[in-house]
C-alpha atoms as a PDB file:
ATOM      1  CA  MET A   1     124.816  85.537 100.797  1.00  0.00           C
ATOM      2  CA  LYS A   2     127.728  87.773 101.735  1.00  0.00           C
ATOM      3  CA  LEU A   3     127.938  89.092  98.177  1.00  0.00           C
ATOM      4  CA  ALA A   4     124.197  89.818  98.169  1.00  0.00           C
ATOM      5  CA  SER A   5     124.522  91.699 101.451  1.00  0.00           C
ATOM      6  CA  VAL A   6     127.396  93.795 100.111  1.00  0.00           C
ATOM      7  CA  PHE A   7     125.414  94.570  96.949  1.00  0.00           C
ATOM      8  CA  PHE A   8     122.344  95.613  98.954  1.00  0.00           C
ATOM      9  CA  GLY A   9     124.504  97.866 101.130  1.00  0.00           C
ATOM     10  CA  LEU A  10     125.970  99.554  98.077  1.00  0.00           C
ATOM     11  CA  PHE A  11     122.460  99.836  96.610  1.00  0.00           C
ATOM     12  CA  CYS A  12     121.246 101.723  99.667  1.00  0.00           C
ATOM     13  CA  ALA A  13     124.346 103.902 100.014  1.00  0.00           C
ATOM     14  CA  ILE A  14     124.564 104.918  96.379  1.00  0.00           C
ATOM     15  CA  GLY A  15     120.815 105.459  96.102  1.00  0.00           C
ATOM     16  CA  SER A  16     120.818 108.106  98.825  1.00  0.00           C
ATOM     17  CA  SER A  17     123.891 110.002  97.651  1.00  0.00           C
ATOM     18  CA  TYR A  18     122.507 112.010  94.767  1.00  0.00           C
ATOM     19  CA  ALA A  19     119.886 114.742  94.562  1.00  0.00           C
ATOM     20  CA  GLN A  20     119.796 116.855  91.428  1.00  0.00           C
ATOM     21  CA  GLY A  21     116.180 117.667  90.651  1.00  0.00           C
ATOM     22  CA  PRO A  22     114.022 120.684  91.603  1.00  0.00           C
ATOM     23  CA  TYR A  23     111.672 118.973  94.071  1.00  0.00           C
ATOM     24  CA  ALA A  24     111.803 117.902  97.717  1.00  0.00           C
ATOM     25  CA  PRO A  25     114.364 115.171  98.553  1.00  0.00           C
ATOM     26  CA  ASN A  26     113.760 111.732 100.027  1.00  0.00           C
ATOM     27  CA  ALA A  27     112.611 111.049 103.574  1.00  0.00           C
ATOM     28  CA  GLU A  28     115.003 111.624 106.482  1.00  0.00           C
ATOM     29  CA  THR A  29     116.772 114.338 104.456  1.00  0.00           C
ATOM     30  CA  PRO A  30     116.717 118.083 105.263  1.00  0.00           C
ATOM     31  CA  GLY A  31     114.035 119.783 103.183  1.00  0.00           C
ATOM     32  CA  THR A  32     111.951 116.641 102.656  1.00  0.00           C
ATOM     33  CA  ALA A  33     108.163 116.862 102.440  1.00  0.00           C
ATOM     34  CA  ALA A  34     107.703 113.288 103.718  1.00  0.00           C
ATOM     35  CA  ILE A  35     105.412 112.821 106.732  1.00  0.00           C
ATOM     36  CA  HIS A  36     106.090 109.942 109.112  1.00  0.00           C
ATOM     37  CA  PHE A  37     103.090 107.756 109.907  1.00  0.00           C
ATOM     38  CA  SER A  38     103.379 108.568 113.623  1.00  0.00           C
ATOM     39  CA  SER A  39     102.978 112.305 113.025  1.00  0.00           C
ATOM     40  CA  GLU A  40     100.300 114.035 115.076  1.00  0.00           C
ATOM     41  CA  GLN A  41      99.203 115.745 111.847  1.00  0.00           C
ATOM     42  CA  PHE A  42      97.123 112.664 111.037  1.00  0.00           C
ATOM     43  CA  VAL A  43      93.682 112.846 112.615  1.00  0.00           C
ATOM     44  CA  SER A  44      92.034 109.976 110.730  1.00  0.00           C
ATOM     45  CA  TRP A  45      92.692 107.247 108.160  1.00  0.00           C
ATOM     46  CA  ALA A  46      90.893 105.706 105.184  1.00  0.00           C
ATOM     47  CA  SER A  47      87.903 103.632 106.319  1.00  0.00           C
ATOM     48  CA  GLU A  48      87.094 101.785 103.070  1.00  0.00           C
ATOM     49  CA  ILE A  49      89.089 100.872  99.976  1.00  0.00           C
ATOM     50  CA  GLN A  50      88.014  99.175  96.764  1.00  0.00           C
ATOM     51  CA  VAL A  51      90.734  97.811  94.485  1.00  0.00           C
ATOM     52  CA  ILE A  52      90.604  97.143  90.759  1.00  0.00           C
ATOM     53  CA  ARG A  53      93.551  94.832  90.200  1.00  0.00           C
ATOM     54  CA  GLY A  54      95.971  95.576  87.389  1.00  0.00           C
ATOM     55  CA  TYR A  55      98.170  93.266  85.368  1.00  0.00           C
ATOM     56  CA  LYS A  56     101.413  91.610  86.411  1.00  0.00           C
ATOM     57  CA  ASP A  57     102.874  93.123  83.238  1.00  0.00           C
ATOM     58  CA  LEU A  58     100.777  95.362  81.011  1.00  0.00           C
ATOM     59  CA  ALA A  59     102.940  94.435  78.008  1.00  0.00           C
ATOM     60  CA  ASN A  60     102.030  90.767  78.517  1.00  0.00           C
ATOM     61  CA  LYS A  61      98.419  90.625  79.689  1.00  0.00           C
ATOM     62  CA  SER A  62      98.350  86.841  79.289  1.00  0.00           C
ATOM     63  CA  LEU A  63     100.270  86.611  82.585  1.00  0.00           C
ATOM     64  CA  GLY A  64      97.105  87.724  84.365  1.00  0.00           C
ATOM     65  CA  TYR A  65      96.523  89.976  87.347  1.00  0.00           C
ATOM     66  CA  VAL A  66      98.425  90.538  90.583  1.00  0.00           C
ATOM     67  CA  ASN A  67      96.940  89.062  93.755  1.00  0.00           C
ATOM     68  CA  PHE A  68      99.148  90.171  96.640  1.00  0.00           C
ATOM     69  CA  GLY A  69      97.350  91.574  99.695  1.00  0.00           C
ATOM     70  CA  THR A  70      93.735  92.617 100.120  1.00  0.00           C
ATOM     71  CA  ALA A  71      92.037  95.997 100.232  1.00  0.00           C
ATOM     72  CA  MET A  72      91.743  95.659 104.017  1.00  0.00           C
ATOM     73  CA  ASN A  73      95.544  95.804 104.249  1.00  0.00           C
ATOM     74  CA  ALA A  74      95.383  99.482 103.293  1.00  0.00           C
ATOM     75  CA  VAL A  75      92.454 100.439 105.527  1.00  0.00           C
ATOM     76  CA  GLY A  76      93.132 102.328 108.727  1.00  0.00           C
ATOM     77  CA  TYR A  77      96.354 103.194 110.520  1.00  0.00           C
ATOM     78  CA  SER A  78      99.648 102.634 108.701  1.00  0.00           C
ATOM     79  CA  ASP A  79     100.998  99.226 109.739  1.00  0.00           C
ATOM     80  CA  ARG A  80     103.245  98.415 106.733  1.00  0.00           C
ATOM     81  CA  SER A  81     100.866  95.842 105.242  1.00  0.00           C
ATOM     82  CA  ALA A  82      99.837  96.653 101.672  1.00  0.00           C
ATOM     83  CA  VAL A  83      97.758  95.673  98.667  1.00  0.00           C
ATOM     84  CA  SER A  84      99.390  95.453  95.249  1.00  0.00           C
ATOM     85  CA  LEU A  85      97.556  97.318  92.488  1.00  0.00           C
ATOM     86  CA  GLY A  86      99.450  95.893  89.502  1.00  0.00           C
ATOM     87  CA  ASP A  87     100.141  97.640  86.209  1.00  0.00           C
ATOM     88  CA  SER A  88      97.381 100.271  85.673  1.00  0.00           C
ATOM     89  CA  GLY A  89      95.546  99.038  88.787  1.00  0.00           C
ATOM     90  CA  VAL A  90      93.256 101.394  90.697  1.00  0.00           C
ATOM     91  CA  ALA A  91      92.325 101.901  94.353  1.00  0.00           C
ATOM     92  CA  TYR A  92      89.265 103.889  95.413  1.00  0.00           C
ATOM     93  CA  VAL A  93      89.754 105.342  98.888  1.00  0.00           C
ATOM     94  CA  TYR A  94      86.817 106.392 101.072  1.00  0.00           C
ATOM     95  CA  PHE A  95      86.400 107.902 104.534  1.00  0.00           C
ATOM     96  CA  ASP A  96      83.474 108.735 106.781  1.00  0.00           C
ATOM     97  CA  GLY A  97      83.632 112.529 106.369  1.00  0.00           C
ATOM     98  CA  TRP A  98      85.437 114.914 104.043  1.00  0.00           C
ATOM     99  CA  VAL A  99      89.030 115.992 103.522  1.00  0.00           C
ATOM    100  CA  VAL A 100      89.059 119.801 103.421  1.00  0.00           C
ATOM    101  CA  ASP A 101      91.536 122.306 102.047  1.00  0.00           C
ATOM    102  CA  GLU A 102      93.550 124.094 104.689  1.00  0.00           C
ATOM    103  CA  PRO A 103      97.069 125.596 104.516  1.00  0.00           C
ATOM    104  CA  GLY A 104      99.646 122.901 103.753  1.00  0.00           C
ATOM    105  CA  ALA A 105      99.131 119.207 103.087  1.00  0.00           C
ATOM    106  CA  ASP A 106      95.587 117.854 103.485  1.00  0.00           C
ATOM    107  CA  PHE A 107      96.293 114.110 103.241  1.00  0.00           C
ATOM    108  CA  ALA A 108      99.153 111.721 102.496  1.00  0.00           C
ATOM    109  CA  VAL A 109      99.468 108.442 100.582  1.00  0.00           C
ATOM    110  CA  PHE A 110     101.775 105.670 101.803  1.00  0.00           C
ATOM    111  CA  GLU A 111     103.561 103.043  99.669  1.00  0.00           C
ATOM    112  CA  ASN A 112     105.688 100.143 100.946  1.00  0.00           C
ATOM    113  CA  SER A 113     109.071 100.733  99.280  1.00  0.00           C
ATOM    114  CA  PHE A 114     111.896  99.135 101.279  1.00  0.00           C
ATOM    115  CA  ASN A 115     114.381 101.819 100.236  1.00  0.00           C
ATOM    116  CA  HIS A 116     114.642 105.577  99.684  1.00  0.00           C
ATOM    117  CA  ASP A 117     115.322 105.084  95.985  1.00  0.00           C
ATOM    118  CA  PHE A 118     113.378 102.012  94.829  1.00  0.00           C
ATOM    119  CA  LEU A 119     110.163 103.849  94.098  1.00  0.00           C
ATOM    120  CA  GLU A 120     106.962 102.576  92.478  1.00  0.00           C
ATOM    121  CA  LEU A 121     104.761 105.526  91.625  1.00  0.00           C
ATOM    122  CA  GLY A 122     101.046 106.242  91.421  1.00  0.00           C
ATOM    123  CA  PHE A 123      98.802 109.047  90.215  1.00  0.00           C
ATOM    124  CA  VAL A 124      96.496 110.566  92.821  1.00  0.00           C
ATOM    125  CA  GLU A 125      93.046 111.929  92.003  1.00  0.00           C
ATOM    126  CA  VAL A 126      90.282 113.369  94.196  1.00  0.00           C
ATOM    127  CA  SER A 127      86.525 113.735  93.898  1.00  0.00           C
ATOM    128  CA  LYS A 128      83.678 115.632  95.540  1.00  0.00           C
ATOM    129  CA  ASP A 129      80.950 113.314  94.206  1.00  0.00           C
ATOM    130  CA  GLY A 130      82.686 109.933  93.939  1.00  0.00           C
ATOM    131  CA  LYS A 131      82.242 109.908  90.153  1.00  0.00           C
ATOM    132  CA  ASN A 132      84.249 112.758  88.650  1.00  0.00           C
ATOM    133  CA  TYR A 133      87.919 112.793  89.621  1.00  0.00           C
ATOM    134  CA  THR A 134      90.564 115.501  89.268  1.00  0.00           C
ATOM    135  CA  ARG A 135      94.209 114.458  88.993  1.00  0.00           C
ATOM    136  CA  PHE A 136      96.994 116.181  90.875  1.00  0.00           C
ATOM    137  CA  PRO A 137      99.457 117.733  88.401  1.00  0.00           C
ATOM    138  CA  ALA A 138     102.174 115.087  88.557  1.00  0.00           C
ATOM    139  CA  GLN A 139     105.712 115.924  87.467  1.00  0.00           C
ATOM    140  CA  SER A 140     108.485 113.488  86.569  1.00  0.00           C
ATOM    141  CA  GLU A 141     111.830 114.827  85.381  1.00  0.00           C
ATOM    142  CA  THR A 142     113.547 111.440  85.405  1.00  0.00           C
ATOM    143  CA  SER A 143     115.450 110.874  82.159  1.00  0.00           C
ATOM    144  CA  THR A 144     113.729 108.641  79.614  1.00  0.00           C
ATOM    145  CA  GLY A 145     116.935 107.904  77.698  1.00  0.00           C
ATOM    146  CA  SER A 146     116.868 104.314  78.963  1.00  0.00           C
ATOM    147  CA  GLN A 147     114.370 102.203  80.861  1.00  0.00           C
ATOM    148  CA  ILE A 148     114.556 102.158  84.669  1.00  0.00           C
ATOM    149  CA  SER A 149     114.751  98.397  85.144  1.00  0.00           C
ATOM    150  CA  SER A 150     113.185  96.303  87.883  1.00  0.00           C
ATOM    151  CA  PHE A 151     115.669  97.198  90.645  1.00  0.00           C
ATOM    152  CA  ASP A 152     117.095 100.483  89.367  1.00  0.00           C
ATOM    153  CA  LEU A 153     117.074 103.657  91.442  1.00  0.00           C
ATOM    154  CA  LEU A 154     115.014 106.841  91.227  1.00  0.00           C
ATOM    155  CA  ASP A 155     115.932 110.304  92.504  1.00  0.00           C
ATOM    156  CA  ALA A 156     113.050 111.696  94.575  1.00  0.00           C
ATOM    157  CA  THR A 157     114.060 115.257  93.693  1.00  0.00           C
ATOM    158  CA  ASN A 158     112.846 114.590  90.133  1.00  0.00           C
ATOM    159  CA  ILE A 159     109.364 113.585  91.326  1.00  0.00           C
ATOM    160  CA  HIS A 160     106.422 115.725  92.455  1.00  0.00           C
ATOM    161  CA  ASN A 161     102.729 115.056  93.134  1.00  0.00           C
ATOM    162  CA  LEU A 162     103.161 111.314  92.624  1.00  0.00           C
ATOM    163  CA  ALA A 163     102.374 108.829  95.377  1.00  0.00           C
ATOM    164  CA  GLY A 164     105.221 106.446  96.164  1.00  0.00           C
ATOM    165  CA  LYS A 165     107.858 109.183  96.303  1.00  0.00           C
ATOM    166  CA  TYR A 166     108.893 108.069  99.802  1.00  0.00           C
ATOM    167  CA  LYS A 167     109.836 104.757 101.412  1.00  0.00           C
ATOM    168  CA  VAL A 168     107.599 102.739 103.729  1.00  0.00           C
ATOM    169  CA  GLY A 169     106.579 104.591 106.853  1.00  0.00           C
ATOM    170  CA  TYR A 170     106.586 108.000 105.162  1.00  0.00           C
ATOM    171  CA  GLY A 171     103.573 109.465 103.376  1.00  0.00           C
ATOM    172  CA  THR A 172     103.651 111.574 100.229  1.00  0.00           C
ATOM    173  CA  PRO A 173     101.618 114.741 101.000  1.00  0.00           C
ATOM    174  CA  PHE A 174      98.952 116.270  98.768  1.00  0.00           C
ATOM    175  CA  ASP A 175      97.412 119.745  98.985  1.00  0.00           C
ATOM    176  CA  LEU A 176      93.881 120.253  97.611  1.00  0.00           C
ATOM    177  CA  SER A 177      94.774 123.806  96.604  1.00  0.00           C
ATOM    178  CA  ASP A 178      96.867 122.249  93.809  1.00  0.00           C
ATOM    179  CA  VAL A 179      93.648 121.113  92.128  1.00  0.00           C
ATOM    180  CA  GLY A 180      91.428 124.014  93.191  1.00  0.00           C
ATOM    181  CA  LEU A 181      89.025 122.028  95.386  1.00  0.00           C
ATOM    182  CA  ASP A 182      87.862 123.077  98.840  1.00  0.00           C
ATOM    183  CA  SER A 183      86.836 119.571  99.954  1.00  0.00           C
ATOM    184  CA  VAL A 184      86.679 115.972  98.680  1.00  0.00           C
ATOM    185  CA  ARG A 185      85.012 112.806  99.845  1.00  0.00           C
ATOM    186  CA  SER A 186      87.059 110.193  97.972  1.00  0.00           C
ATOM    187  CA  ILE A 187      90.559 109.650  96.635  1.00  0.00           C
ATOM    188  CA  ARG A 188      91.665 107.503  93.714  1.00  0.00           C
ATOM    189  CA  VAL A 189      95.177 106.072  93.340  1.00  0.00           C
ATOM    190  CA  ILE A 190      96.170 104.766  89.896  1.00  0.00           C
ATOM    191  CA  ASP A 191      99.345 102.819  89.233  1.00  0.00           C
ATOM    192  CA  VAL A 192     101.876 104.533  86.983  1.00  0.00           C
ATOM    193  CA  VAL A 193     103.045 102.167  84.270  1.00  0.00           C
ATOM    194  CA  GLY A 194     106.721 103.085  84.307  1.00  0.00           C
ATOM    195  CA  SER A 195     107.579 101.697  80.877  1.00  0.00           C
ATOM    196  CA  ILE A 196     109.030 104.148  78.348  1.00  0.00           C
ATOM    197  CA  ASN A 197     107.315 102.171  75.584  1.00  0.00           C
ATOM    198  CA  PRO A 198     104.906 104.869  74.323  1.00  0.00           C
ATOM    199  CA  THR A 199     102.153 102.334  73.622  1.00  0.00           C
ATOM    200  CA  ILE A 200     101.703 101.559  77.332  1.00  0.00           C
ATOM    201  CA  ALA A 201     103.561 104.403  79.078  1.00  0.00           C
ATOM    202  CA  SER A 202     102.073 106.830  81.596  1.00  0.00           C
ATOM    203  CA  LYS A 203     102.619 110.569  81.199  1.00  0.00           C
ATOM    204  CA  ASP A 204     102.926 113.411  83.687  1.00  0.00           C
ATOM    205  CA  ALA A 205     101.022 116.708  83.567  1.00  0.00           C
ATOM    206  CA  SER A 206     103.619 118.118  81.155  1.00  0.00           C
ATOM    207  CA  GLY A 207     103.238 115.239  78.714  1.00  0.00           C
ATOM    208  CA  ARG A 208     106.533 113.566  79.643  1.00  0.00           C
ATOM    209  CA  LEU A 209     106.804 109.790  79.903  1.00  0.00           C
ATOM    210  CA  ILE A 210     107.164 108.670  83.517  1.00  0.00           C
ATOM    211  CA  ASN A 211     110.123 106.348  83.888  1.00  0.00           C
ATOM    212  CA  ASP A 212     110.050 104.148  86.989  1.00  0.00           C
ATOM    213  CA  PRO A 213     111.053 100.519  87.707  1.00  0.00           C
ATOM    214  CA  TYR A 214     109.580  98.240  85.041  1.00  0.00           C
ATOM    215  CA  PRO A 215     108.616  95.460  84.949  1.00  0.00           C
ATOM    216  CA  THR A 216     107.951  94.671  88.613  1.00  0.00           C
ATOM    217  CA  ASP A 217     106.102  91.360  88.333  1.00  0.00           C
ATOM    218  CA  PHE A 218     107.487  89.555  91.372  1.00  0.00           C
ATOM    219  CA  GLN A 219     106.244  86.281  92.868  1.00  0.00           C
ATOM    220  CA  ASN A 220     106.540  84.807  96.342  1.00  0.00           C
ATOM    221  CA  ASN A 221     104.754  81.654  97.535  1.00  0.00           C
ATOM    222  CA  GLY A 222     102.048  81.966  94.913  1.00  0.00           C
ATOM    223  CA  PHE A 223     101.372  85.665  95.505  1.00  0.00           C
ATOM    224  CA  TYR A 224     102.111  88.051  92.653  1.00  0.00           C
ATOM    225  CA  THR A 225     102.927  91.728  93.069  1.00  0.00           C
ATOM    226  CA  GLY A 226     103.413  94.461  90.532  1.00  0.00           C
ATOM    227  CA  GLY A 227     103.265  98.219  90.229  1.00  0.00           C
ATOM    228  CA  PHE A 228     102.115 100.460  93.063  1.00  0.00           C
ATOM    229  CA  ASP A 229     101.560  98.877  96.489  1.00  0.00           C
ATOM    230  CA  LEU A 230      99.083 100.901  98.541  1.00  0.00           C
ATOM    231  CA  GLU A 231      99.925 100.801 102.251  1.00  0.00           C
ATOM    232  CA  SER A 232      97.553 103.420 103.707  1.00  0.00           C
ATOM    233  CA  VAL A 233      96.081 106.904 103.313  1.00  0.00           C
ATOM    234  CA  GLY A 234      96.342 109.335 106.209  1.00  0.00           C
ATOM    235  CA  LEU A 235      93.967 112.285 106.581  1.00  0.00           C
ATOM    236  CA  ILE A 236      95.286 115.591 107.938  1.00  0.00           C
ATOM    237  CA  ASN A 237      92.626 118.235 107.381  1.00  0.00           C
ATOM    238  CA  TYR A 238      89.495 116.229 107.957  1.00  0.00           C
ATOM    239  CA  ASP A 239      85.902 117.085 108.840  1.00  0.00           C
ATOM    240  CA  GLY A 240      83.668 114.181 109.758  1.00  0.00           C
ATOM    241  CA  GLU A 241      80.573 116.377 110.003  1.00  0.00           C
ATOM    242  CA  ILE A 242      80.284 117.552 106.386  1.00  0.00           C
ATOM    243  CA  PHE A 243      77.876 115.574 104.230  1.00  0.00           C
ATOM    244  CA  VAL A 244      76.784 115.716 100.612  1.00  0.00           C
ATOM    245  CA  GLY A 245      73.245 116.917  99.884  1.00  0.00           C
ATOM    246  CA  GLU A 246      70.578 115.036  97.954  1.00  0.00           C
ATOM    247  CA  ALA A 247      70.693 117.526  95.083  1.00  0.00           C
ATOM    248  CA  GLU A 248      74.397 116.882  94.559  1.00  0.00           C
ATOM    249  CA  ILE A 249      73.842 113.117  94.657  1.00  0.00           C
ATOM    250  CA  ALA A 250      71.100 113.461  92.036  1.00  0.00           C
ATOM    251  CA  GLU A 251      73.588 115.125  89.675  1.00  0.00           C
ATOM    252  CA  GLN A 252      75.840 112.055  89.649  1.00  0.00           C
ATOM    253  CA  LYS A 253      75.513 110.452  86.223  1.00  0.00           C
ATOM    254  CA  THR A 254      76.893 107.433  84.430  1.00  0.00           C
ATOM    255  CA  GLU A 255      76.380 106.040  80.937  1.00  0.00           C
ATOM    256  CA  ILE A 256      76.730 102.475  82.233  1.00  0.00           C
ATOM    257  CA  LYS A 257      73.681 100.459  83.279  1.00  0.00           C
ATOM    258  CA  LEU A 258      73.941  97.219  85.254  1.00  0.00           C
ATOM    259  CA  TYR A 259      70.882  95.127  86.146  1.00  0.00           C
ATOM    260  CA  PRO A 260      69.273  93.284  87.859  1.00  0.00           C
ATOM    261  CA  ASN A 261      70.968  93.886  91.188  1.00  0.00           C
ATOM    262  CA  PRO A 262      70.545  91.698  93.219  1.00  0.00           C
ATOM    263  CA  MET A 263      70.923  88.981  90.559  1.00  0.00           C
ATOM    264  CA  ILE A 264      70.718  85.193  90.458  1.00  0.00           C
ATOM    265  CA  SER A 265      72.681  83.922  87.449  1.00  0.00           C
ATOM    266  CA  ASP A 266      72.233  86.427  84.617  1.00  0.00           C
ATOM    267  CA  LEU A 267      73.501  90.012  84.564  1.00  0.00           C
ATOM    268  CA  THR A 268      72.884  92.624  81.876  1.00  0.00           C
ATOM    269  CA  VAL A 269      75.292  95.493  81.285  1.00  0.00           C
ATOM    270  CA  ASP A 270      74.600  98.349  78.863  1.00  0.00           C
ATOM    271  CA  VAL A 271      77.586 100.414  77.709  1.00  0.00           C
ATOM    272  CA  VAL A 272      78.034 103.137  75.090  1.00  0.00           C
ATOM    273  CA  GLU A 273      81.582 102.130  74.194  1.00  0.00           C
ATOM    274  CA  ALA A 274      83.761  99.030  74.373  1.00  0.00           C
ATOM    275  CA  SER A 275      84.480  98.239  78.026  1.00  0.00           C
ATOM    276  CA  GLU A 276      85.789  95.603  80.387  1.00  0.00           C
ATOM    277  CA  ILE A 277      83.871  94.258  83.369  1.00  0.00           C
ATOM    278  CA  ARG A 278      85.562  92.709  86.399  1.00  0.00           C
ATOM    279  CA  ILE A 279      83.860  91.252  89.460  1.00  0.00           C
ATOM    280  CA  TYR A 280      85.820  90.943  92.712  1.00  0.00           C
ATOM    281  CA  ASP A 281      85.062  89.023  95.871  1.00  0.00           C
ATOM    282  CA  LEU A 282      85.546  90.596  99.296  1.00  0.00           C
ATOM    283  CA  LYS A 283      89.202  89.476  99.335  1.00  0.00           C
ATOM    284  CA  GLY A 284      89.941  91.399  96.137  1.00  0.00           C
ATOM    285  CA  LYS A 285      90.172  88.294  93.931  1.00  0.00           C
ATOM    286  CA  VAL A 286      88.897  88.560  90.360  1.00  0.00           C
ATOM    287  CA  CYS A 287      86.173  85.930  90.003  1.00  0.00           C
ATOM    288  CA  TYR A 288      84.775  87.069  86.658  1.00  0.00           C
ATOM    289  CA  SER A 289      86.009  89.268  83.809  1.00  0.00           C
ATOM    290  CA  GLU A 290      84.904  89.861  80.255  1.00  0.00           C
ATOM    291  CA  PHE A 291      85.187  92.430  77.480  1.00  0.00           C
ATOM    292  CA  LEU A 292      81.920  94.159  76.604  1.00  0.00           C
ATOM    293  CA  LYS A 293      80.722  95.282  73.188  1.00  0.00           C
ATOM    294  CA  ILE A 294      78.864  98.526  72.592  1.00  0.00           C
ATOM    295  CA  GLY A 295      75.217  98.183  73.556  1.00  0.00           C
ATOM    296  CA  ARG A 296      73.562  95.432  75.577  1.00  0.00           C
ATOM    297  CA  ASN A 297      75.615  92.593  77.032  1.00  0.00           C
ATOM    298  CA  ASP A 298      73.852  89.593  78.592  1.00  0.00           C
ATOM    299  CA  LEU A 299      76.246  87.764  80.874  1.00  0.00           C
ATOM    300  CA  GLN A 300      75.710  84.292  82.330  1.00  0.00           C
ATOM    301  CA  MET A 301      77.514  83.939  85.630  1.00  0.00           C
ATOM    302  CA  ILE A 302      76.193  80.670  86.987  1.00  0.00           C
ATOM    303  CA  ARG A 303      79.650  79.860  88.378  1.00  0.00           C
ATOM    304  CA  VAL A 304      79.738  82.926  90.627  1.00  0.00           C
ATOM    305  CA  PRO A 305      78.675  81.801  94.141  1.00  0.00           C
ATOM    306  CA  LYS A 306      76.120  83.620  96.249  1.00  0.00           C
ATOM    307  CA  GLY A 307      77.543  86.605  98.076  1.00  0.00           C
ATOM    308  CA  ILE A 308      78.463  90.282  97.944  1.00  0.00           C
ATOM    309  CA  TYR A 309      80.904  91.488  95.293  1.00  0.00           C
ATOM    310  CA  SER A 310      82.479  94.633  93.909  1.00  0.00           C
ATOM    311  CA  VAL A 311      81.856  95.098  90.203  1.00  0.00           C
ATOM    312  CA  THR A 312      83.790  97.501  87.983  1.00  0.00           C
ATOM    313  CA  VAL A 313      83.222  98.499  84.384  1.00  0.00           C
ATOM    314  CA  ILE A 314      86.136 100.280  82.761  1.00  0.00           C
ATOM    315  CA  ASN A 315      86.364 102.214  79.517  1.00  0.00           C
ATOM    316  CA  SER A 316      88.080 105.343  78.242  1.00  0.00           C
ATOM    317  CA  LYS A 317      85.458 107.620  79.830  1.00  0.00           C
ATOM    318  CA  GLU A 318      84.978 106.266  83.324  1.00  0.00           C
ATOM    319  CA  HIS A 319      85.656 103.680  86.013  1.00  0.00           C
ATOM    320  CA  PHE A 320      82.209 102.550  87.162  1.00  0.00           C
ATOM    321  CA  VAL A 321      82.208 100.884  90.597  1.00  0.00           C
ATOM    322  CA  SER A 322      79.208  99.292  92.289  1.00  0.00           C
ATOM    323  CA  LYS A 323      78.281  96.687  94.863  1.00  0.00           C
ATOM    324  CA  LEU A 324      76.744  93.537  93.366  1.00  0.00           C
ATOM    325  CA  VAL A 325      74.638  91.028  95.288  1.00  0.00           C
ATOM    326  CA  VAL A 326      74.367  87.465  93.928  1.00  0.00           C
ATOM    327  CA  GLN A 327      71.434  85.530  95.386  1.00  0.00           C
END
């Protein structure tokens, strides 16, 4: 135990001693962009979150999905509880009004890193209509000469416009002017797969591989974590009075059809390209998943109990999310 304590102390001390990149340094350092959760800048917090769980390890999908935390852990005021997204996992973040573009940061995303330098990263995207998302231009100048292993360190000054840049309690800020939008009504956070294996790697806006701790498939008392852990989303420039008009809603389109809804035991899904469907209960647990062929797919789900679920259909063109009622 003493040796472990000494190692952890060295880990923390060494991790905070270097800063060589062009971007803002870690939290509690002069020049940082981190915003503490207690800041009066925050006027509201995310009111609803839907999570599409990712894998424990994308390179070994047979291990299954992560299951740590629930979406409710990331709703509301930052309290250090979190939901694990897993490799390539996705969180859809909603609020009652709109985040609007004003000078400076407009919102901030919180992760639960225990240390300034153990950083699990995520892409951040925003949408005006809840269907079409624009990604913030992420930058990662971390060397890709060798893989950042599970407990290796990252230098925050090499990271920009990626959630997870700062330790727990400090939000990573985002400015809507970076994506040219004057207001948004939803935010999407997508786990960065930090592997430098090009077949599964994530890339930044400049086409560089993003190297962050990988793999991170950890287990504790039957709960599995991996990838980005969403802790909360704080809103800075927020207008609860703005609402979307009917004409704009009518323009929302999808090539995926799912019916009937409500359903009893059979569900039909029409897709125009190969997809994957996942159905989640209200605790974020995957209770049904299947790969879909192009065209009509008739699914028998007699083992899915009555209730309200979140259904997602994922392909290369879109992430379709809908409520599903089983009667």
